[in-house]
C-alpha atoms as a PDB file:
ATOM      1  CA  UNK A   1      23.069 -27.912 -16.690  1.00  0.00           C
ATOM      2  CA  UNK A   2      23.213 -28.257 -20.481  1.00  0.00           C
ATOM      3  CA  UNK A   3      25.859 -26.108 -22.099  1.00  0.00           C
ATOM      4  CA  UNK A   4      26.660 -25.094 -25.638  1.00  0.00           C
ATOM      5  CA  UNK A   5      29.828 -26.899 -26.685  1.00  0.00           C
ATOM      6  CA  UNK A   6      31.898 -24.058 -28.102  1.00  0.00           C
ATOM      7  CA  UNK A   7      35.536 -24.246 -29.311  1.00  0.00           C
ATOM      8  CA  UNK A   8      36.501 -22.206 -26.245  1.00  0.00           C
ATOM      9  CA  UNK A   9      34.840 -24.680 -23.872  1.00  0.00           C
ATOM     10  CA  UNK A  10      36.552 -27.585 -25.636  1.00  0.00           C
ATOM     11  CA  UNK A  11      39.968 -25.903 -25.304  1.00  0.00           C
ATOM     12  CA  UNK A  12      39.448 -25.142 -21.609  1.00  0.00           C
ATOM     13  CA  UNK A  13      38.226 -28.654 -20.834  1.00  0.00           C
ATOM     14  CA  UNK A  14      41.098 -30.181 -22.774  1.00  0.00           C
ATOM     15  CA  UNK A  15      43.694 -28.079 -20.928  1.00  0.00           C
ATOM     16  CA  UNK A  16      42.170 -28.732 -17.521  1.00  0.00           C
ATOM     17  CA  UNK A  17      42.134 -32.474 -18.200  1.00  0.00           C
ATOM     18  CA  UNK A  18      45.645 -32.501 -19.611  1.00  0.00           C
ATOM     19  CA  UNK A  19      47.083 -30.619 -16.644  1.00  0.00           C
ATOM     20  CA  UNK A  20      45.064 -32.269 -13.868  1.00  0.00           C
ATOM     21  CA  UNK A  21      46.361 -35.803 -14.516  1.00  0.00           C
ATOM     22  CA  UNK A  22      49.984 -36.808 -14.962  1.00  0.00           C
ATOM     23  CA  UNK A  23      49.803 -40.598 -14.666  1.00  0.00           C
ATOM     24  CA  UNK A  24      48.056 -42.594 -17.372  1.00  0.00           C
ATOM     25  CA  UNK A  25      46.191 -44.803 -14.903  1.00  0.00           C
ATOM     26  CA  UNK A  26      44.759 -41.833 -13.047  1.00  0.00           C
ATOM     27  CA  UNK A  27      43.630 -40.254 -16.328  1.00  0.00           C
ATOM     28  CA  UNK A  28      42.089 -43.531 -17.502  1.00  0.00           C
ATOM     29  CA  UNK A  29      40.155 -43.781 -14.241  1.00  0.00           C
ATOM     30  CA  UNK A  30      38.725 -40.282 -14.713  1.00  0.00           C
ATOM     31  CA  UNK A  31      37.786 -41.017 -18.340  1.00  0.00           C
ATOM     32  CA  UNK A  32      36.014 -44.226 -17.330  1.00  0.00           C
ATOM     33  CA  UNK A  33      33.995 -42.303 -14.734  1.00  0.00           C
ATOM     34  CA  UNK A  34      33.087 -39.808 -17.500  1.00  0.00           C
ATOM     35  CA  UNK A  35      31.610 -42.658 -19.592  1.00  0.00           C
ATOM     36  CA  UNK A  36      34.406 -42.944 -22.130  1.00  0.00           C
ATOM     37  CA  UNK A  37      34.176 -46.509 -23.428  1.00  0.00           C
ATOM     38  CA  UNK A  38      36.724 -48.994 -22.168  1.00  0.00           C
ATOM     39  CA  UNK A  39      37.210 -50.149 -25.769  1.00  0.00           C
ATOM     40  CA  UNK A  40      38.382 -46.686 -26.778  1.00  0.00           C
ATOM     41  CA  UNK A  41      40.632 -46.337 -23.738  1.00  0.00           C
ATOM     42  CA  UNK A  42      42.136 -49.691 -24.671  1.00  0.00           C
ATOM     43  CA  UNK A  43      43.398 -48.148 -27.931  1.00  0.00           C
ATOM     44  CA  UNK A  44      45.852 -46.012 -25.946  1.00  0.00           C
ATOM     45  CA  UNK A  45      49.160 -47.627 -26.802  1.00  0.00           C
ATOM     46  CA  UNK A  46      52.243 -47.427 -24.609  1.00  0.00           C
ATOM     47  CA  UNK A  47      54.150 -45.337 -27.138  1.00  0.00           C
ATOM     48  CA  UNK A  48      51.299 -42.783 -27.593  1.00  0.00           C
ATOM     49  CA  UNK A  49      51.636 -39.604 -25.566  1.00  0.00           C
ATOM     50  CA  UNK A  50      48.872 -38.312 -23.338  1.00  0.00           C
ATOM     51  CA  UNK A  51      48.387 -35.268 -25.559  1.00  0.00           C
ATOM     52  CA  UNK A  52      48.073 -37.278 -28.774  1.00  0.00           C
ATOM     53  CA  UNK A  53      45.590 -39.638 -27.114  1.00  0.00           C
ATOM     54  CA  UNK A  54      43.461 -36.722 -25.875  1.00  0.00           C
ATOM     55  CA  UNK A  55      43.607 -35.164 -29.351  1.00  0.00           C
ATOM     56  CA  UNK A  56      42.069 -38.344 -30.743  1.00  0.00           C
ATOM     57  CA  UNK A  57      39.504 -38.487 -27.957  1.00  0.00           C
ATOM     58  CA  UNK A  58      38.302 -34.884 -28.283  1.00  0.00           C
ATOM     59  CA  UNK A  59      38.208 -35.020 -32.093  1.00  0.00           C
ATOM     60  CA  UNK A  60      35.908 -38.011 -31.851  1.00  0.00           C
ATOM     61  CA  UNK A  61      33.679 -36.584 -29.110  1.00  0.00           C
ATOM     62  CA  UNK A  62      32.941 -33.443 -31.089  1.00  0.00           C
ATOM     63  CA  UNK A  63      31.341 -35.447 -33.897  1.00  0.00           C
ATOM     64  CA  UNK A  64      28.185 -36.550 -32.077  1.00  0.00           C
ATOM     65  CA  UNK A  65      25.644 -35.071 -29.663  1.00  0.00           C
ATOM     66  CA  UNK A  66      26.380 -37.912 -27.246  1.00  0.00           C
ATOM     67  CA  UNK A  67      30.079 -37.075 -27.399  1.00  0.00           C
ATOM     68  CA  UNK A  68      29.380 -33.391 -26.760  1.00  0.00           C
ATOM     69  CA  UNK A  69      27.360 -34.368 -23.696  1.00  0.00           C
ATOM     70  CA  UNK A  70      30.445 -36.243 -22.443  1.00  0.00           C
ATOM     71  CA  UNK A  71      32.560 -33.092 -22.908  1.00  0.00           C
ATOM     72  CA  UNK A  72      29.993 -31.120 -20.926  1.00  0.00           C
ATOM     73  CA  UNK A  73      30.030 -33.698 -18.133  1.00  0.00           C
ATOM     74  CA  UNK A  74      33.841 -33.696 -18.022  1.00  0.00           C
ATOM     75  CA  UNK A  75      33.911 -29.887 -17.938  1.00  0.00           C
ATOM     76  CA  UNK A  76      31.707 -29.718 -14.850  1.00  0.00           C
ATOM     77  CA  UNK A  77      33.566 -32.551 -13.119  1.00  0.00           C
ATOM     78  CA  UNK A  78      36.944 -30.918 -13.725  1.00  0.00           C
ATOM     79  CA  UNK A  79      35.686 -27.510 -12.567  1.00  0.00           C
ATOM     80  CA  UNK A  80      34.801 -28.988  -9.154  1.00  0.00           C
ATOM     81  CA  UNK A  81      38.411 -29.960  -8.407  1.00  0.00           C
ATOM     82  CA  UNK A  82      40.150 -28.227  -5.532  1.00  0.00           C
ATOM     83  CA  UNK A  83      43.067 -30.624  -5.006  1.00  0.00           C
ATOM     84  CA  UNK A  84      45.177 -32.558  -7.462  1.00  0.00           C
ATOM     85  CA  UNK A  85      46.360 -35.781  -5.815  1.00  0.00           C
ATOM     86  CA  UNK A  86      47.722 -37.236  -9.050  1.00  0.00           C
ATOM     87  CA  UNK A  87      50.180 -34.316  -9.333  1.00  0.00           C
ATOM     88  CA  UNK A  88      51.664 -34.951  -5.896  1.00  0.00           C
ATOM     89  CA  UNK A  89      54.733 -37.082  -6.451  1.00  0.00           C
ATOM     90  CA  UNK A  90      58.476 -37.272  -6.459  1.00  0.00           C
ATOM     91  CA  UNK A  91      58.806 -34.716  -9.233  1.00  0.00           C
ATOM     92  CA  UNK A  92      60.775 -31.566  -8.529  1.00  0.00           C
ATOM     93  CA  UNK A  93      58.196 -29.489 -10.400  1.00  0.00           C
ATOM     94  CA  UNK A  94      55.188 -30.963  -8.582  1.00  0.00           C
ATOM     95  CA  UNK A  95      54.213 -27.563  -7.187  1.00  0.00           C
ATOM     96  CA  UNK A  96      54.399 -26.017 -10.648  1.00  0.00           C
ATOM     97  CA  UNK A  97      52.230 -28.793 -12.069  1.00  0.00           C
ATOM     98  CA  UNK A  98      49.620 -28.166  -9.358  1.00  0.00           C
ATOM     99  CA  UNK A  99      49.708 -24.417  -9.993  1.00  0.00           C
ATOM    100  CA  UNK A 100      49.229 -24.945 -13.739  1.00  0.00           C
ATOM    101  CA  UNK A 101      46.345 -27.361 -13.122  1.00  0.00           C
ATOM    102  CA  UNK A 102      44.725 -24.985 -10.626  1.00  0.00           C
ATOM    103  CA  UNK A 103      44.962 -22.120 -13.145  1.00  0.00           C
ATOM    104  CA  UNK A 104      43.442 -24.251 -15.926  1.00  0.00           C
ATOM    105  CA  UNK A 105      40.590 -25.379 -13.679  1.00  0.00           C
ATOM    106  CA  UNK A 106      39.862 -21.820 -12.520  1.00  0.00           C
ATOM    107  CA  UNK A 107      39.652 -20.604 -16.110  1.00  0.00           C
ATOM    108  CA  UNK A 108      37.236 -23.425 -16.900  1.00  0.00           C
ATOM    109  CA  UNK A 109      35.185 -22.705 -13.767  1.00  0.00           C
ATOM    110  CA  UNK A 110      34.955 -18.991 -14.661  1.00  0.00           C
ATOM    111  CA  UNK A 111      33.764 -19.835 -18.170  1.00  0.00           C
ATOM    112  CA  UNK A 112      31.080 -22.173 -16.817  1.00  0.00           C
ATOM    113  CA  UNK A 113      29.987 -19.596 -14.226  1.00  0.00           C
ATOM    114  CA  UNK A 114      29.621 -16.911 -16.876  1.00  0.00           C
ATOM    115  CA  UNK A 115      27.721 -19.329 -19.100  1.00  0.00           C
ATOM    116  CA  UNK A 116      25.342 -20.258 -16.275  1.00  0.00           C
ATOM    117  CA  UNK A 117      24.723 -16.585 -15.511  1.00  0.00           C
ATOM    118  CA  UNK A 118      23.937 -15.936 -19.172  1.00  0.00           C
ATOM    119  CA  UNK A 119      21.563 -18.912 -19.231  1.00  0.00           C
ATOM    120  CA  UNK A 120      19.792 -17.731 -16.055  1.00  0.00           C
ATOM    121  CA  UNK A 121      19.573 -14.182 -17.385  1.00  0.00           C
ATOM    122  CA  UNK A 122      18.132 -15.407 -20.671  1.00  0.00           C
ATOM    123  CA  UNK A 123      15.713 -17.693 -18.841  1.00  0.00           C
ATOM    124  CA  UNK A 124      14.528 -14.801 -16.662  1.00  0.00           C
ATOM    125  CA  UNK A 125      14.163 -12.597 -19.740  1.00  0.00           C
ATOM    126  CA  UNK A 126      12.061 -15.237 -21.488  1.00  0.00           C
ATOM    127  CA  UNK A 127       9.953 -15.807 -18.360  1.00  0.00           C
ATOM    128  CA  UNK A 128       9.381 -12.059 -17.999  1.00  0.00           C
ATOM    129  CA  UNK A 129       8.438 -11.866 -21.665  1.00  0.00           C
ATOM    130  CA  UNK A 130       6.070 -14.808 -21.245  1.00  0.00           C
ATOM    131  CA  UNK A 131       4.435 -13.272 -18.157  1.00  0.00           C
ATOM    132  CA  UNK A 132       3.990  -9.972 -20.008  1.00  0.00           C
ATOM    133  CA  UNK A 133       2.368 -11.773 -22.943  1.00  0.00           C
ATOM    134  CA  UNK A 134       0.036 -13.705 -20.621  1.00  0.00           C
ATOM    135  CA  UNK A 135      -0.898 -10.466 -18.851  1.00  0.00           C
ATOM    136  CA  UNK A 136      -1.493  -8.744 -22.185  1.00  0.00           C
ATOM    137  CA  UNK A 137      -3.733 -11.592 -23.335  1.00  0.00           C
ATOM    138  CA  UNK A 138      -5.560 -11.574 -19.996  1.00  0.00           C
ATOM    139  CA  UNK A 139      -6.210  -7.837 -20.278  1.00  0.00           C
ATOM    140  CA  UNK A 140      -7.376  -8.200 -23.875  1.00  0.00           C
ATOM    141  CA  UNK A 141      -9.630 -11.080 -22.870  1.00  0.00           C
ATOM    142  CA  UNK A 142     -10.925  -9.071 -19.900  1.00  0.00           C
ATOM    143  CA  UNK A 143     -11.689  -6.056 -22.055  1.00  0.00           C
ATOM    144  CA  UNK A 144     -13.480  -8.257 -24.577  1.00  0.00           C
ATOM    145  CA  UNK A 145     -15.545  -9.916 -21.846  1.00  0.00           C
ATOM    146  CA  UNK A 146     -16.392  -6.563 -20.250  1.00  0.00           C
ATOM    147  CA  UNK A 147     -17.465  -5.150 -23.611  1.00  0.00           C
ATOM    148  CA  UNK A 148     -19.654  -8.217 -24.058  1.00  0.00           C
ATOM    149  CA  UNK A 149     -21.202  -7.638 -20.618  1.00  0.00           C
ATOM    150  CA  UNK A 150     -21.985  -4.022 -21.489  1.00  0.00           C
ATOM    151  CA  UNK A 151     -23.473  -4.978 -24.842  1.00  0.00           C
ATOM    152  CA  UNK A 152     -25.684  -7.626 -23.225  1.00  0.00           C
ATOM    153  CA  UNK A 153     -26.809  -5.151 -20.561  1.00  0.00           C
ATOM    154  CA  UNK A 154     -27.757  -2.545 -23.150  1.00  0.00           C
ATOM    155  CA  UNK A 155     -29.663  -5.171 -25.163  1.00  0.00           C
ATOM    156  CA  UNK A 156     -31.728  -5.862 -22.035  1.00  0.00           C
ATOM    157  CA  UNK A 157     -33.081  -2.296 -21.965  1.00  0.00           C
ATOM    158  CA  UNK A 158     -35.911  -3.167 -24.348  1.00  0.00           C
ATOM    159  CA  UNK A 159     -37.176  -5.679 -21.752  1.00  0.00           C
ATOM    160  CA  UNK A 160     -37.077  -3.352 -18.753  1.00  0.00           C
ATOM    161  CA  UNK A 161     -40.148  -3.675 -16.571  1.00  0.00           C
ATOM    162  CA  UNK A 162     -41.069  -7.154 -17.853  1.00  0.00           C
ATOM    163  CA  UNK A 163     -40.785 -10.436 -15.918  1.00  0.00           C
ATOM    164  CA  UNK A 164     -38.509 -11.902 -18.599  1.00  0.00           C
ATOM    165  CA  UNK A 165     -36.354  -8.811 -18.404  1.00  0.00           C
ATOM    166  CA  UNK A 166     -36.096  -9.125 -14.635  1.00  0.00           C
ATOM    167  CA  UNK A 167     -34.916 -12.737 -14.817  1.00  0.00           C
ATOM    168  CA  UNK A 168     -32.502 -11.902 -17.640  1.00  0.00           C
ATOM    169  CA  UNK A 169     -31.071  -8.998 -15.613  1.00  0.00           C
ATOM    170  CA  UNK A 170     -30.641 -11.310 -12.636  1.00  0.00           C
ATOM    171  CA  UNK A 171     -28.692 -13.826 -14.755  1.00  0.00           C
ATOM    172  CA  UNK A 172     -26.639 -11.010 -16.256  1.00  0.00           C
ATOM    173  CA  UNK A 173     -25.760  -9.548 -12.853  1.00  0.00           C
ATOM    174  CA  UNK A 174     -24.322 -12.849 -11.660  1.00  0.00           C
ATOM    175  CA  UNK A 175     -22.242 -13.037 -14.832  1.00  0.00           C
ATOM    176  CA  UNK A 176     -20.843  -9.646 -13.820  1.00  0.00           C
ATOM    177  CA  UNK A 177     -19.995 -10.946 -10.328  1.00  0.00           C
ATOM    178  CA  UNK A 178     -18.324 -14.040 -11.811  1.00  0.00           C
ATOM    179  CA  UNK A 179     -16.360 -11.848 -14.210  1.00  0.00           C
ATOM    180  CA  UNK A 180     -15.148  -9.771 -11.230  1.00  0.00           C
ATOM    181  CA  UNK A 181     -14.405 -12.994  -9.302  1.00  0.00           C
ATOM    182  CA  UNK A 182     -16.643 -11.842  -6.440  1.00  0.00           C
ATOM    183  CA  UNK A 183     -17.863 -14.725  -4.313  1.00  0.00           C
ATOM    184  CA  UNK A 184     -21.609 -15.050  -4.769  1.00  0.00           C
ATOM    185  CA  UNK A 185     -24.642 -17.263  -4.335  1.00  0.00           C
ATOM    186  CA  UNK A 186     -27.515 -17.451  -6.804  1.00  0.00           C
ATOM    187  CA  UNK A 187     -31.141 -16.785  -5.754  1.00  0.00           C
ATOM    188  CA  UNK A 188     -32.510 -19.001  -3.006  1.00  0.00           C
ATOM    189  CA  UNK A 189     -35.406 -19.242  -0.548  1.00  0.00           C
ATOM    190  CA  UNK A 190     -34.937 -19.165   3.225  1.00  0.00           C
ATOM    191  CA  UNK A 191     -37.701 -19.155   5.830  1.00  0.00           C
ATOM    192  CA  UNK A 192     -40.229 -18.700   3.071  1.00  0.00           C
ATOM    193  CA  UNK A 193     -38.521 -15.503   1.800  1.00  0.00           C
ATOM    194  CA  UNK A 194     -37.200 -15.197  -1.753  1.00  0.00           C
ATOM    195  CA  UNK A 195     -33.628 -13.874  -1.734  1.00  0.00           C
ATOM    196  CA  UNK A 196     -32.227 -12.600  -5.024  1.00  0.00           C
ATOM    197  CA  UNK A 197     -28.885 -14.054  -3.974  1.00  0.00           C
ATOM    198  CA  UNK A 198     -25.857 -12.739  -2.141  1.00  0.00           C
ATOM    199  CA  UNK A 199     -22.275 -11.683  -2.560  1.00  0.00           C
ATOM    200  CA  UNK A 200     -19.383 -11.625  -0.131  1.00  0.00           C
ATOM    201  CA  UNK A 201     -16.856  -8.789  -0.224  1.00  0.00           C
ATOM    202  CA  UNK A 202     -14.119  -7.894   2.272  1.00  0.00           C
ATOM    203  CA  UNK A 203     -15.526 -10.258   4.859  1.00  0.00           C
ATOM    204  CA  UNK A 204     -19.119  -8.999   4.701  1.00  0.00           C
ATOM    205  CA  UNK A 205     -21.979 -10.933   3.115  1.00  0.00           C
ATOM    206  CA  UNK A 206     -24.586  -8.789   1.338  1.00  0.00           C
ATOM    207  CA  UNK A 207     -28.071  -9.998   0.478  1.00  0.00           C
ATOM    208  CA  UNK A 208     -28.965  -8.795  -3.006  1.00  0.00           C
ATOM    209  CA  UNK A 209     -32.133  -7.170  -4.275  1.00  0.00           C
ATOM    210  CA  UNK A 210     -32.122  -6.604  -8.037  1.00  0.00           C
ATOM    211  CA  UNK A 211     -34.643  -4.181  -9.544  1.00  0.00           C
ATOM    212  CA  UNK A 212     -35.114  -4.026 -13.317  1.00  0.00           C
ATOM    213  CA  UNK A 213     -38.196  -1.841 -13.355  1.00  0.00           C
ATOM    214  CA  UNK A 214     -39.229   1.257 -15.312  1.00  0.00           C
ATOM    215  CA  UNK A 215     -40.045   3.159 -12.142  1.00  0.00           C
ATOM    216  CA  UNK A 216     -37.686   4.198  -9.390  1.00  0.00           C
ATOM    217  CA  UNK A 217     -37.469   1.920  -6.394  1.00  0.00           C
ATOM    218  CA  UNK A 218     -39.360   3.283  -3.413  1.00  0.00           C
ATOM    219  CA  UNK A 219     -39.523   2.935   0.343  1.00  0.00           C
ATOM    220  CA  UNK A 220     -41.540  -0.287   0.127  1.00  0.00           C
ATOM    221  CA  UNK A 221     -38.700  -2.093  -1.679  1.00  0.00           C
ATOM    222  CA  UNK A 222     -36.169  -0.709   0.796  1.00  0.00           C
ATOM    223  CA  UNK A 223     -38.256  -1.920   3.762  1.00  0.00           C
ATOM    224  CA  UNK A 224     -38.553  -5.375   2.213  1.00  0.00           C
ATOM    225  CA  UNK A 225     -34.767  -5.744   1.889  1.00  0.00           C
ATOM    226  CA  UNK A 226     -34.241  -4.361   5.387  1.00  0.00           C
ATOM    227  CA  UNK A 227     -36.590  -6.989   6.773  1.00  0.00           C
ATOM    228  CA  UNK A 228     -34.680  -9.778   5.028  1.00  0.00           C
ATOM    229  CA  UNK A 229     -31.331  -8.513   6.316  1.00  0.00           C
ATOM    230  CA  UNK A 230     -32.645  -8.192   9.866  1.00  0.00           C
ATOM    231  CA  UNK A 231     -33.361 -11.936   9.926  1.00  0.00           C
ATOM    232  CA  UNK A 232     -29.722 -12.782   9.178  1.00  0.00           C
ATOM    233  CA  UNK A 233     -26.477 -12.844  11.184  1.00  0.00           C
ATOM    234  CA  UNK A 234     -25.045  -9.583  12.538  1.00  0.00           C
ATOM    235  CA  UNK A 235     -22.360  -9.283   9.834  1.00  0.00           C
ATOM    236  CA  UNK A 236     -24.946  -9.393   7.045  1.00  0.00           C
ATOM    237  CA  UNK A 237     -25.849  -6.295   5.023  1.00  0.00           C
ATOM    238  CA  UNK A 238     -27.876  -5.684   1.905  1.00  0.00           C
ATOM    239  CA  UNK A 239     -27.180  -4.272  -1.555  1.00  0.00           C
ATOM    240  CA  UNK A 240     -29.972  -3.112  -3.803  1.00  0.00           C
ATOM    241  CA  UNK A 241     -29.263  -2.573  -7.493  1.00  0.00           C
ATOM    242  CA  UNK A 242     -32.001  -0.574  -9.193  1.00  0.00           C
ATOM    243  CA  UNK A 243     -31.440   0.359 -12.835  1.00  0.00           C
ATOM    244  CA  UNK A 244     -34.050   3.169 -12.635  1.00  0.00           C
ATOM    245  CA  UNK A 245     -32.679   4.693  -9.458  1.00  0.00           C
ATOM    246  CA  UNK A 246     -34.448   5.580  -6.210  1.00  0.00           C
ATOM    247  CA  UNK A 247     -36.991   8.030  -4.905  1.00  0.00           C
ATOM    248  CA  UNK A 248     -35.848  10.535  -2.303  1.00  0.00           C
ATOM    249  CA  UNK A 249     -37.960   8.717   0.271  1.00  0.00           C
ATOM    250  CA  UNK A 250     -36.247   5.405  -0.595  1.00  0.00           C
ATOM    251  CA  UNK A 251     -32.792   6.925  -0.181  1.00  0.00           C
ATOM    252  CA  UNK A 252     -33.815   8.446   3.140  1.00  0.00           C
ATOM    253  CA  UNK A 253     -35.340   5.179   4.312  1.00  0.00           C
ATOM    254  CA  UNK A 254     -32.200   3.213   3.395  1.00  0.00           C
ATOM    255  CA  UNK A 255     -29.940   5.656   5.221  1.00  0.00           C
ATOM    256  CA  UNK A 256     -29.493   6.527   8.859  1.00  0.00           C
ATOM    257  CA  UNK A 257     -27.480   5.481  11.891  1.00  0.00           C
ATOM    258  CA  UNK A 258     -26.146   1.925  11.637  1.00  0.00           C
ATOM    259  CA  UNK A 259     -27.588   1.501   8.155  1.00  0.00           C
ATOM    260  CA  UNK A 260     -27.390  -2.047   6.875  1.00  0.00           C
ATOM    261  CA  UNK A 261     -27.971  -1.200   3.215  1.00  0.00           C
ATOM    262  CA  UNK A 262     -25.987   0.043   0.233  1.00  0.00           C
ATOM    263  CA  UNK A 263     -27.936   1.164  -2.831  1.00  0.00           C
ATOM    264  CA  UNK A 264     -26.553   1.198  -6.346  1.00  0.00           C
ATOM    265  CA  UNK A 265     -27.983   2.443  -9.621  1.00  0.00           C
ATOM    266  CA  UNK A 266     -27.250   2.245 -13.340  1.00  0.00           C
ATOM    267  CA  UNK A 267     -24.593   4.962 -13.130  1.00  0.00           C
ATOM    268  CA  UNK A 268     -22.506   2.742 -10.876  1.00  0.00           C
ATOM    269  CA  UNK A 269     -22.714  -0.001 -13.505  1.00  0.00           C
ATOM    270  CA  UNK A 270     -21.518   2.366 -16.208  1.00  0.00           C
ATOM    271  CA  UNK A 271     -18.682   3.484 -13.948  1.00  0.00           C
ATOM    272  CA  UNK A 272     -17.607  -0.154 -13.926  1.00  0.00           C
ATOM    273  CA  UNK A 273     -17.926  -0.369 -17.728  1.00  0.00           C
ATOM    274  CA  UNK A 274     -15.731   2.735 -18.087  1.00  0.00           C
ATOM    275  CA  UNK A 275     -12.699   0.931 -16.555  1.00  0.00           C
ATOM    276  CA  UNK A 276     -12.270   3.771 -14.061  1.00  0.00           C
ATOM    277  CA  UNK A 277     -13.091   1.474 -11.121  1.00  0.00           C
ATOM    278  CA  UNK A 278     -13.717  -2.238 -10.807  1.00  0.00           C
ATOM    279  CA  UNK A 279     -16.944  -3.384  -9.184  1.00  0.00           C
ATOM    280  CA  UNK A 280     -15.263  -4.366  -5.917  1.00  0.00           C
ATOM    281  CA  UNK A 281     -13.901  -0.824  -5.597  1.00  0.00           C
ATOM    282  CA  UNK A 282     -17.346   0.634  -6.231  1.00  0.00           C
ATOM    283  CA  UNK A 283     -18.833  -1.470  -3.436  1.00  0.00           C
ATOM    284  CA  UNK A 284     -15.981  -0.485  -1.101  1.00  0.00           C
ATOM    285  CA  UNK A 285     -16.411   3.219  -1.889  1.00  0.00           C
ATOM    286  CA  UNK A 286     -20.164   3.184  -1.215  1.00  0.00           C
ATOM    287  CA  UNK A 287     -19.615   1.141   1.954  1.00  0.00           C
ATOM    288  CA  UNK A 288     -17.003   3.596   3.230  1.00  0.00           C
ATOM    289  CA  UNK A 289     -19.366   6.495   2.557  1.00  0.00           C
ATOM    290  CA  UNK A 290     -22.134   4.726   4.471  1.00  0.00           C
ATOM    291  CA  UNK A 291     -19.808   4.075   7.406  1.00  0.00           C
ATOM    292  CA  UNK A 292     -18.663   7.697   7.499  1.00  0.00           C
ATOM    293  CA  UNK A 293     -22.006   9.434   6.944  1.00  0.00           C
ATOM    294  CA  UNK A 294     -24.818   6.953   7.470  1.00  0.00           C
ATOM    295  CA  UNK A 295     -25.880   7.563   3.839  1.00  0.00           C
ATOM    296  CA  UNK A 296     -26.642   4.337   1.943  1.00  0.00           C
ATOM    297  CA  UNK A 297     -26.393   6.053  -1.458  1.00  0.00           C
ATOM    298  CA  UNK A 298     -23.386   7.769  -2.964  1.00  0.00           C
ATOM    299  CA  UNK A 299     -23.962   9.208  -6.451  1.00  0.00           C
ATOM    300  CA  UNK A 300     -21.162   8.536  -8.944  1.00  0.00           C
ATOM    301  CA  UNK A 301     -20.527  12.277  -9.381  1.00  0.00           C
ATOM    302  CA  UNK A 302     -19.639  12.515  -5.670  1.00  0.00           C
ATOM    303  CA  UNK A 303     -17.118   9.642  -5.600  1.00  0.00           C
ATOM    304  CA  UNK A 304     -14.158  12.035  -5.503  1.00  0.00           C
ATOM    305  CA  UNK A 305     -15.526  14.118  -2.643  1.00  0.00           C
END
C-alpha cells in the first residue's frame, strides 16, 4: 500500500533498520533485497560506521520519488519481523538488542497500521461521497425524465380521440414503463387478435389495453380484453388504461369473483407524476384491492382505505 513518506515514518524506519541488524553483511543483504543498488552499498567503507552509512543512504533516498518508494518498501518489510536472527550472538547484551529492535519494529508497525486505517477511512468517505453524488444525479435525472413524461402526456390531450393520438399515447405509455424499468412487450398480434402489448410485474404477466378516447370505456371494451386474457395461460391477467375513465357498467363487468382485470384511469397516472407512488406500487395496490374485494377498480382517493 502506498504511504506518504513523512519525517516520522523516515525516523521509525531508520531506527527499526538500525536496531534490527548488527552485522554489516546481514544489513547489506537486507538492503540488496530492498533494491538498494550494489554500487551504492559498495561505497560503504570499512572505517564508516553503520549509522553514518545509513545517514547517507536515507538522505539520498528522500530526494527522489523512487527513493521514497524504497523507504516505503523497507518500512513494510521491517514491520513484518517477529524474530531477529542477526542479533543472536555471543554478545552479553544480545537480549537487550533484541528488545530494542522489537520495540522499534512495534512502533513502526503501529504507525503503519494507523496510516492504513486512515487511508481506508478516507477511501470509504470518498466512496460514500461518490455514491451520494451518483444517487443525487440519478434522482435529478429521474425527476427531469418524469417531468418530461408528464409534459409529453399533457401535450397529447389535444389529440385525444384521434387515431394519431391513440398511437402516440401507446408509444408514450411504453416510455413510461421503460422509465419505471417494468418488463414489457410492445404491441403484437397472436391468433389473429391485436394485443396492445404486455407488462410483467411481480411474476404476473398483464395484457394491456390502452384507451385514449374522449368517451369513457364501456362494457364492450372490458369484454374484449377479457376474451383476450381468457385465451392465455392461467397466470395471465389484463390491465386496461383508459384516460377518460369507465362507465359504471364497465367497472361492474370488470369486477367479480376471480376477476382477471385491473382498470386504471388518468388519476392513477397523475398519482405517479406526483411522486407519491411509483407505477409499480400503483399496480400492486390495485391488484391487492382486487384480490381482497373482487373489485377491478380502485379510485385514487380510496388508496389509503
